[in-house]
Amino acid sequence: MLRNHLRSSRSDFLQRAVIVFEDSQSSEVIGLDLKGWHSPQTAQARWKRLVAPVSGCASYLNAWGAGFFAPLDGCQRRVAVLATAWPGDKTYLSALKGRFDFVMGVSEPLVELAHDALGLPSERLSVVPVPINLPDLPERPPRNFGNRPVVLGYCGRLMTAQKRVERLPPIARALTAAGIQHRWEIIGEGPVQGTLAKQFAAVGATVQFRGRLSGDAYWEAIRSLDFIVFTSDYEGTPLSLAEAMSQGVLPLYAKMNSGGDRYTEQIHPALLFPVDRPDAAAAGVKAVLATSPAQWLEMERKARLLAHGHAENAYVKQFEAGVRTAYQLPRISMVTPPNVATALGLHLPFAVLGRLNPENPLRRGLG
């Protein structure tokens, strides 16, 4: 998202970014270089020292930081872009009422969340697509299964929190039980790779761990898949989903009330399965494999069509439209809102805040 914003920055829509937990030497990007042991109060002090008052619109990714940076930003309008769901998101956003003029979300469920938590009317909400940069590649040839295994893939961080990759091997076991010859391609790396490999081996699955890929190697790996699998607890609209669909790869998607749910339903409802039902995931694959070649081609066409709505700077164009709408409407955000947190909460390190339950009063409005 940051790359797309900066690439499209121009004299009539000049954009500048503040990144919080990294440093930056760029004139376009200000880095506050915060660490886990720093507190929101430290963040405020660095903002005062490094960031000039915002002359136009302040945009907060996932609304993060609005609880303690909004009193300092000095902006004319304030917007939020919700790029993903997260635990306690409704509690967090509810603490930020009165701080935003417009909210954009990368899925309809996130926009509905903003409506419920922030009380914003529909004219101050919009859905924006996660941005993808498509390679200049020919369309994949039609899939010819014959006697070859079905190829399922996972792309992302190999971790239990949120991504729940331990749910993949039970799907492999269910596919085998359903008589579906298959293999797995795992794109990514993470702390549970060794454990995941053992879990796949325990169910007799054939799996290749490709590691973290980029460029041509990434797209080659994505294009080799028949299905891309998601078993997360929560998502916005996964970037890898849009990228895979752009190449005609079909989603096998756990129900999690995200943008991916709705895409999957449009492609083939059987591919959307209850997260605790690996047998339903296998049944979805079996149902799709039973379709005719013409039906399969139509599902690929639909996947590509949905994904192409994310390409060609569609996100940045719609982001700009959201900002312009915020300026056309009267300001409703507080000019200088108070800190939302308690005095103690403002002094707690971010590492400690992140370990507190999202409902904890000390974490209120701090993310």
Protein backbone atom coordinates (compact mmCIF):
# COMPACT_ATOMS: atom_id res chain seq x y z
CA MET A 1 0.00 0.00 0.00
CA LEU A 2 2.80 2.41 0.90
CA ARG A 3 4.55 1.83 -2.44
CA ASN A 4 1.33 2.47 -4.34
CA HIS A 5 0.66 5.68 -2.42
CA LEU A 6 4.13 7.07 -2.97
CA ARG A 7 4.20 6.03 -6.62
CA SER A 8 1.00 7.97 -7.29
CA SER A 9 1.96 11.06 -5.27
CA ARG A 10 1.84 14.21 -7.39
CA SER A 11 1.56 17.98 -7.06
CA ASP A 12 -2.25 18.01 -6.84
CA PHE A 13 -2.37 15.05 -4.44
CA LEU A 14 0.91 15.09 -2.55
CA GLN A 15 1.31 12.21 -0.12
CA ARG A 16 3.76 11.75 2.73
CA ALA A 17 3.98 8.77 5.06
CA VAL A 18 4.84 8.23 8.71
CA ILE A 19 5.99 4.72 9.66
CA VAL A 20 6.06 4.06 13.36
CA PHE A 21 8.22 1.02 14.10
CA GLU A 22 10.93 1.60 11.48
CA ASP A 23 13.44 4.29 10.63
CA SER A 24 13.59 6.04 7.27
CA GLN A 25 16.01 8.34 5.50
CA SER A 26 13.55 9.18 2.70
CA SER A 27 12.12 12.66 2.29
CA GLU A 28 8.75 11.05 1.51
CA VAL A 29 8.68 8.75 4.53
CA ILE A 30 9.23 9.80 8.16
CA GLY A 31 10.30 6.98 10.44
CA LEU A 32 9.64 7.28 14.17
CA ASP A 33 11.81 4.17 14.81
CA LEU A 34 9.84 3.06 17.86
CA LYS A 35 10.57 -0.22 19.65
CA GLY A 36 8.46 -2.49 21.78
CA TRP A 37 9.77 -0.93 24.98
CA HIS A 38 8.56 2.53 23.92
CA SER A 39 5.15 3.83 24.99
CA PRO A 40 2.40 5.89 23.32
CA GLN A 41 3.75 8.89 25.25
CA THR A 42 7.17 8.33 23.64
CA ALA A 43 5.42 8.09 20.28
CA GLN A 44 3.76 11.45 20.89
CA ALA A 45 7.09 13.05 21.79
CA ARG A 46 8.71 11.79 18.59
CA TRP A 47 5.74 12.93 16.53
CA LYS A 48 6.07 16.45 17.95
CA ARG A 49 9.77 16.46 17.16
CA LEU A 50 9.74 14.87 13.69
CA VAL A 51 6.33 15.43 12.07
CA ALA A 52 5.11 18.83 10.93
CA PRO A 53 1.38 19.60 11.34
CA VAL A 54 -0.63 17.97 8.56
CA SER A 55 -1.81 20.67 6.16
CA GLY A 56 -4.53 18.53 4.61
CA CYS A 57 -5.84 15.06 5.38
CA ALA A 58 -4.37 12.63 7.92
CA SER A 59 -4.93 8.97 7.02
CA TYR A 60 -4.55 6.22 9.63
CA LEU A 61 -3.95 2.64 8.46
CA ASN A 62 -6.24 0.35 10.46
CA ALA A 63 -6.95 3.47 12.54
CA TRP A 64 -3.78 2.64 14.48
CA GLY A 65 -2.35 5.55 16.45
CA ALA A 66 -5.43 7.73 16.16
CA GLY A 67 -5.95 7.45 19.90
CA PHE A 68 -2.75 9.37 20.65
CA PHE A 69 -1.57 10.95 17.36
CA ALA A 70 -4.90 12.60 16.41
CA PRO A 71 -4.53 15.26 19.15
CA LEU A 72 -1.29 16.30 17.44
CA ASP A 73 -1.90 15.92 13.70
CA GLY A 74 -3.47 19.37 13.07
CA CYS A 75 -5.29 18.13 9.98
CA GLN A 76 -8.31 19.50 8.15
CA ARG A 77 -9.85 16.07 7.64
CA ARG A 78 -9.09 12.68 9.16
CA VAL A 79 -9.72 9.32 7.46
CA ALA A 80 -8.96 5.67 8.23
CA VAL A 81 -8.18 2.76 5.93
CA LEU A 82 -9.07 -0.62 7.41
CA ALA A 83 -6.79 -3.12 5.67
CA THR A 84 -7.46 -6.16 7.85
CA ALA A 85 -9.57 -7.47 10.68
CA TRP A 86 -7.92 -8.13 14.06
CA PRO A 87 -8.94 -9.38 17.52
CA GLY A 88 -10.86 -6.75 19.46
CA ASP A 89 -11.26 -4.50 16.42
CA LYS A 90 -14.79 -3.41 17.34
CA THR A 91 -13.74 -2.52 20.90
CA TYR A 92 -10.75 -0.57 19.59
CA LEU A 93 -12.67 1.36 16.93
CA SER A 94 -15.53 2.15 19.30
CA ALA A 95 -13.05 4.08 21.45
CA LEU A 96 -12.24 6.30 18.46
CA LYS A 97 -15.68 7.73 17.78
CA GLY A 98 -15.60 11.35 16.69
CA ARG A 99 -12.10 11.15 15.23
CA PHE A 100 -12.80 10.32 11.57
CA ASP A 101 -14.59 12.02 8.71
CA PHE A 102 -14.43 9.05 6.33
CA VAL A 103 -13.45 5.37 6.54
CA MET A 104 -12.41 2.99 3.76
CA GLY A 105 -12.24 -0.78 4.20
CA VAL A 106 -10.82 -3.50 1.96
CA SER A 107 -13.96 -5.61 2.39
CA GLU A 108 -17.65 -5.11 2.98
CA PRO A 109 -17.45 -6.70 6.46
CA LEU A 110 -14.81 -4.13 7.47
CA VAL A 111 -17.00 -1.29 6.22
CA GLU A 112 -19.92 -2.73 8.19
CA LEU A 113 -17.63 -2.86 11.23
CA ALA A 114 -16.80 0.84 10.82
CA HIS A 115 -20.48 1.66 10.53
CA ASP A 116 -21.30 -0.21 13.75
CA ALA A 117 -18.27 0.81 15.80
CA LEU A 118 -17.87 4.43 14.71
CA GLY A 119 -21.47 5.29 13.91
CA LEU A 120 -20.61 6.72 10.49
CA PRO A 121 -23.37 6.96 7.84
CA SER A 122 -23.05 5.18 4.50
CA GLU A 123 -21.96 8.32 2.60
CA ARG A 124 -18.85 8.43 4.79
CA LEU A 125 -17.86 4.80 4.11
CA SER A 126 -16.52 3.00 1.05
CA VAL A 127 -14.96 -0.30 0.01
CA VAL A 128 -11.51 -0.07 -1.57
CA PRO A 129 -9.59 -2.99 -3.12
CA VAL A 130 -6.27 -4.18 -1.72
CA PRO A 131 -3.70 -3.16 -4.35
CA ILE A 132 -1.87 -5.75 -6.44
CA ASN A 133 0.74 -5.21 -9.13
CA LEU A 134 0.16 -7.76 -11.86
CA PRO A 135 2.98 -9.28 -13.91
CA ASP A 136 2.96 -9.08 -17.69
CA LEU A 137 2.27 -12.77 -18.27
CA PRO A 138 0.06 -14.65 -20.72
CA GLU A 139 -3.09 -16.29 -19.44
CA ARG A 140 -2.51 -19.78 -18.06
CA PRO A 141 -3.38 -22.67 -20.38
CA PRO A 142 -6.56 -24.56 -19.44
CA ARG A 143 -6.05 -26.96 -16.52
CA ASN A 144 -5.73 -30.57 -17.68
CA PHE A 145 -5.88 -32.93 -14.73
CA GLY A 146 -5.68 -36.37 -16.34
CA ASN A 147 -3.84 -38.54 -13.86
CA ARG A 148 -1.84 -35.76 -12.22
CA PRO A 149 -2.36 -34.75 -8.58
CA VAL A 150 -4.41 -31.69 -7.73
CA VAL A 151 -2.07 -28.93 -6.54
CA LEU A 152 -3.11 -27.01 -3.43
CA GLY A 153 -1.09 -24.12 -2.08
CA TYR A 154 -0.71 -21.88 0.90
CA CYS A 155 0.97 -18.48 0.68
CA GLY A 156 1.85 -16.43 3.74
CA ARG A 157 3.50 -16.47 7.13
CA LEU A 158 3.80 -19.94 8.66
CA MET A 159 2.34 -19.28 12.08
CA THR A 160 -0.43 -20.42 14.40
CA ALA A 161 -1.68 -16.99 15.52
CA GLN A 162 -4.25 -15.71 13.00
CA LYS A 163 -3.02 -17.82 10.04
CA ARG A 164 -3.70 -21.15 11.78
CA VAL A 165 -1.60 -23.22 9.37
CA GLU A 166 -2.03 -26.28 11.62
CA ARG A 167 -5.46 -26.57 9.97
CA LEU A 168 -3.89 -27.46 6.60
CA PRO A 169 -2.78 -31.09 7.34
CA PRO A 170 -6.31 -32.16 8.40
CA ILE A 171 -7.53 -30.93 4.99
CA ALA A 172 -4.82 -33.05 3.37
CA ARG A 173 -6.03 -36.07 5.36
CA ALA A 174 -9.65 -35.39 4.35
CA LEU A 175 -8.66 -35.10 0.68
CA THR A 176 -6.92 -38.48 0.85
CA ALA A 177 -9.95 -40.00 2.56
CA ALA A 178 -12.11 -38.63 -0.27
CA GLY A 179 -9.87 -40.37 -2.83
CA ILE A 180 -8.41 -37.13 -4.23
CA GLN A 181 -4.80 -37.46 -5.34
CA HIS A 182 -3.07 -34.22 -4.44
CA ARG A 183 0.09 -32.44 -3.34
CA TRP A 184 0.89 -29.17 -1.55
CA GLU A 185 3.05 -26.15 -2.34
CA ILE A 186 3.80 -23.98 0.70
CA ILE A 187 5.03 -20.46 -0.15
CA GLY A 188 6.35 -18.57 2.84
CA GLU A 189 8.31 -19.07 6.02
CA GLY A 190 7.69 -18.75 9.72
CA PRO A 191 8.21 -20.12 13.21
CA VAL A 192 6.11 -23.28 12.86
CA GLN A 193 7.53 -24.59 9.58
CA GLY A 194 9.22 -27.57 11.22
CA THR A 195 6.10 -28.50 13.15
CA LEU A 196 3.93 -28.09 10.05
CA ALA A 197 6.23 -30.38 8.06
CA LYS A 198 5.83 -33.10 10.72
CA GLN A 199 2.05 -32.65 10.73
CA PHE A 200 1.89 -33.05 6.94
CA ALA A 201 4.14 -36.13 7.15
CA ALA A 202 1.88 -37.65 9.82
CA VAL A 203 -1.08 -37.61 7.42
CA GLY A 204 0.99 -38.90 4.48
CA ALA A 205 0.78 -35.71 2.43
CA THR A 206 3.21 -34.79 -0.32
CA VAL A 207 4.38 -31.23 0.35
CA GLN A 208 7.09 -28.91 -0.89
CA PHE A 209 8.16 -25.91 1.19
CA ARG A 210 9.21 -23.20 -1.26
CA GLY A 211 10.22 -20.56 1.27
CA ARG A 212 9.64 -16.87 0.79
CA LEU A 213 9.54 -16.01 -2.92
CA SER A 214 9.43 -12.81 -4.93
CA GLY A 215 9.44 -11.68 -8.54
CA ASP A 216 9.28 -14.28 -11.29
CA ALA A 217 9.79 -17.17 -8.87
CA TYR A 218 6.75 -16.08 -6.86
CA TRP A 219 4.47 -15.83 -9.86
CA GLU A 220 5.73 -19.13 -11.28
CA ALA A 221 4.86 -20.84 -7.98
CA ILE A 222 1.42 -19.18 -7.79
CA ARG A 223 0.58 -20.14 -11.37
CA SER A 224 1.36 -23.80 -10.63
CA LEU A 225 -1.56 -24.03 -8.17
CA ASP A 226 -5.08 -25.27 -8.80
CA PHE A 227 -6.36 -24.05 -5.43
CA ILE A 228 -5.02 -21.58 -2.87
CA VAL A 229 -6.11 -22.42 0.69
CA PHE A 230 -6.95 -20.05 3.57
CA THR A 231 -7.64 -21.26 7.11
CA SER A 232 -7.11 -18.03 9.06
CA ASP A 233 -9.16 -16.88 12.03
CA TYR A 234 -9.56 -13.46 10.41
CA GLU A 235 -8.50 -11.50 7.32
CA GLY A 236 -9.51 -8.35 5.44
CA THR A 237 -9.14 -9.41 1.82
CA PRO A 238 -5.83 -11.31 1.57
CA LEU A 239 -3.33 -9.89 -0.90
CA SER A 240 -2.20 -13.38 -1.93
CA LEU A 241 -5.83 -14.29 -2.65
CA ALA A 242 -6.23 -11.46 -5.16
CA GLU A 243 -2.83 -12.26 -6.72
CA ALA A 244 -3.64 -15.96 -7.08
CA MET A 245 -7.11 -15.30 -8.48
CA SER A 246 -5.57 -12.96 -11.06
CA GLN A 247 -3.85 -16.03 -12.50
CA GLY A 248 -6.99 -18.18 -12.50
CA VAL A 249 -6.22 -20.03 -9.24
CA LEU A 250 -9.39 -20.95 -7.34
CA PRO A 251 -9.80 -20.19 -3.62
CA LEU A 252 -10.52 -22.87 -1.00
CA TYR A 253 -11.54 -20.59 1.81
CA ALA A 254 -12.56 -21.00 5.45
CA LYS A 255 -15.56 -18.93 6.51
CA MET A 256 -14.25 -15.93 8.47
CA ASN A 257 -16.53 -13.04 7.40
CA SER A 258 -13.95 -11.39 5.17
CA GLY A 259 -13.75 -10.15 1.61
CA GLY A 260 -12.47 -13.57 0.58
CA ASP A 261 -15.71 -15.24 1.70
CA ARG A 262 -17.72 -13.25 -0.80
CA TYR A 263 -15.30 -13.80 -3.67
CA THR A 264 -15.25 -17.54 -3.03
CA GLU A 265 -19.05 -17.77 -2.97
CA GLN A 266 -19.21 -16.05 -6.34
CA ILE A 267 -16.73 -18.51 -7.88
CA HIS A 268 -18.23 -21.71 -6.40
CA PRO A 269 -20.13 -21.85 -3.09
CA ALA A 270 -18.79 -25.32 -2.24
CA LEU A 271 -15.27 -23.85 -1.93
CA LEU A 272 -16.31 -21.85 1.14
CA PHE A 273 -16.16 -24.22 4.10
CA PRO A 274 -16.62 -24.06 7.91
CA VAL A 275 -13.19 -23.63 9.46
CA ASP A 276 -13.63 -26.67 11.72
CA ARG A 277 -14.74 -28.95 8.86
CA PRO A 278 -11.77 -30.22 6.82
CA ASP A 279 -14.13 -32.80 5.32
CA ALA A 280 -16.22 -29.92 3.92
CA ALA A 281 -13.09 -28.44 2.34
CA ALA A 282 -12.38 -31.80 0.68
CA ALA A 283 -15.99 -32.03 -0.46
CA GLY A 284 -15.65 -28.58 -2.03
CA VAL A 285 -12.60 -29.66 -4.03
CA LYS A 286 -14.40 -32.83 -5.09
CA ALA A 287 -17.44 -30.83 -6.24
CA VAL A 288 -15.31 -28.53 -8.37
CA LEU A 289 -13.32 -31.42 -9.86
CA ALA A 290 -16.64 -32.95 -10.94
CA THR A 291 -17.52 -29.90 -13.07
CA SER A 292 -17.05 -29.84 -16.82
CA PRO A 293 -14.00 -28.24 -18.48
CA ALA A 294 -16.22 -25.39 -19.63
CA GLN A 295 -17.45 -24.80 -16.07
CA TRP A 296 -13.89 -24.86 -14.76
CA LEU A 297 -12.86 -22.29 -17.36
CA GLU A 298 -15.79 -20.09 -16.31
CA MET A 299 -14.69 -20.28 -12.65
CA GLU A 300 -11.15 -19.26 -13.65
CA ARG A 301 -12.54 -16.41 -15.74
CA LYS A 302 -14.62 -15.19 -12.82
CA ALA A 303 -11.62 -15.38 -10.47
CA ARG A 304 -9.49 -13.31 -12.86
CA LEU A 305 -12.28 -10.77 -13.34
CA LEU A 306 -12.72 -10.28 -9.58
CA ALA A 307 -8.96 -9.95 -9.09
CA HIS A 308 -8.48 -7.40 -11.83
CA GLY A 309 -10.59 -4.98 -9.83
CA HIS A 310 -7.53 -4.78 -7.55
CA ALA A 311 -5.07 -3.87 -10.30
CA GLU A 312 -3.97 -0.73 -12.14
CA ASN A 313 -3.88 1.52 -9.10
CA ALA A 314 -7.56 0.90 -8.38
CA TYR A 315 -6.88 1.18 -4.65
CA VAL A 316 -5.12 4.56 -4.89
CA LYS A 317 -7.78 5.97 -7.22
CA GLN A 318 -10.53 4.97 -4.81
CA PHE A 319 -8.50 6.20 -1.84
CA GLU A 320 -8.24 9.60 -3.51
CA ALA A 321 -11.98 9.55 -4.19
CA GLY A 322 -12.60 8.84 -0.50
CA VAL A 323 -10.42 11.75 0.59
CA ARG A 324 -12.11 14.11 -1.86
CA THR A 325 -15.51 12.99 -0.56
CA ALA A 326 -14.36 13.70 2.99
CA TYR A 327 -13.56 17.27 1.90
CA GLN A 328 -16.87 17.70 0.10
CA LEU A 329 -18.78 16.79 3.25
CA PRO A 330 -18.78 18.95 6.37
CA ARG A 331 -16.11 18.09 8.90
CA ILE A 332 -17.42 15.88 11.72
CA SER A 333 -14.12 14.80 13.29
CA MET A 334 -12.91 16.59 16.41
CA VAL A 335 -10.24 19.13 15.52
CA THR A 336 -8.14 18.37 18.60
CA PRO A 337 -9.53 15.23 20.19
CA PRO A 338 -8.37 14.19 23.66
CA ASN A 339 -6.22 11.13 24.23
CA VAL A 340 -8.49 8.12 24.49
CA ALA A 341 -6.24 6.17 26.86
CA THR A 342 -5.80 6.36 30.60
CA ALA A 343 -2.67 8.08 31.91
CA LEU A 344 -1.24 4.68 32.86
CA GLY A 345 -2.05 3.23 29.46
CA LEU A 346 -0.13 6.04 27.73
CA HIS A 347 2.96 5.11 29.76
CA LEU A 348 2.86 1.35 29.17
CA PRO A 349 5.30 -0.09 26.58
CA PHE A 350 3.74 -1.23 23.31
CA ALA A 351 5.06 -4.76 23.97
CA VAL A 352 3.04 -4.87 27.19
CA LEU A 353 -0.06 -3.32 25.60
CA GLY A 354 0.05 -5.93 22.85
CA ARG A 355 -0.15 -8.72 25.40
CA LEU A 356 -3.20 -7.33 27.16
CA ASN A 357 -6.65 -8.59 26.27
CA PRO A 358 -8.24 -6.23 23.70
CA GLU A 359 -11.03 -5.58 26.20
CA ASN A 360 -8.60 -4.41 28.92
CA PRO A 361 -9.27 -0.76 29.88
CA LEU A 362 -5.53 -0.01 29.82
CA ARG A 363 -5.44 -0.90 26.14
CA ARG A 364 -8.50 1.14 25.23
CA GLY A 365 -7.90 3.09 22.04
CA LEU A 366 -4.22 2.10 21.86
CA GLY A 367 -4.45 -0.83 19.41
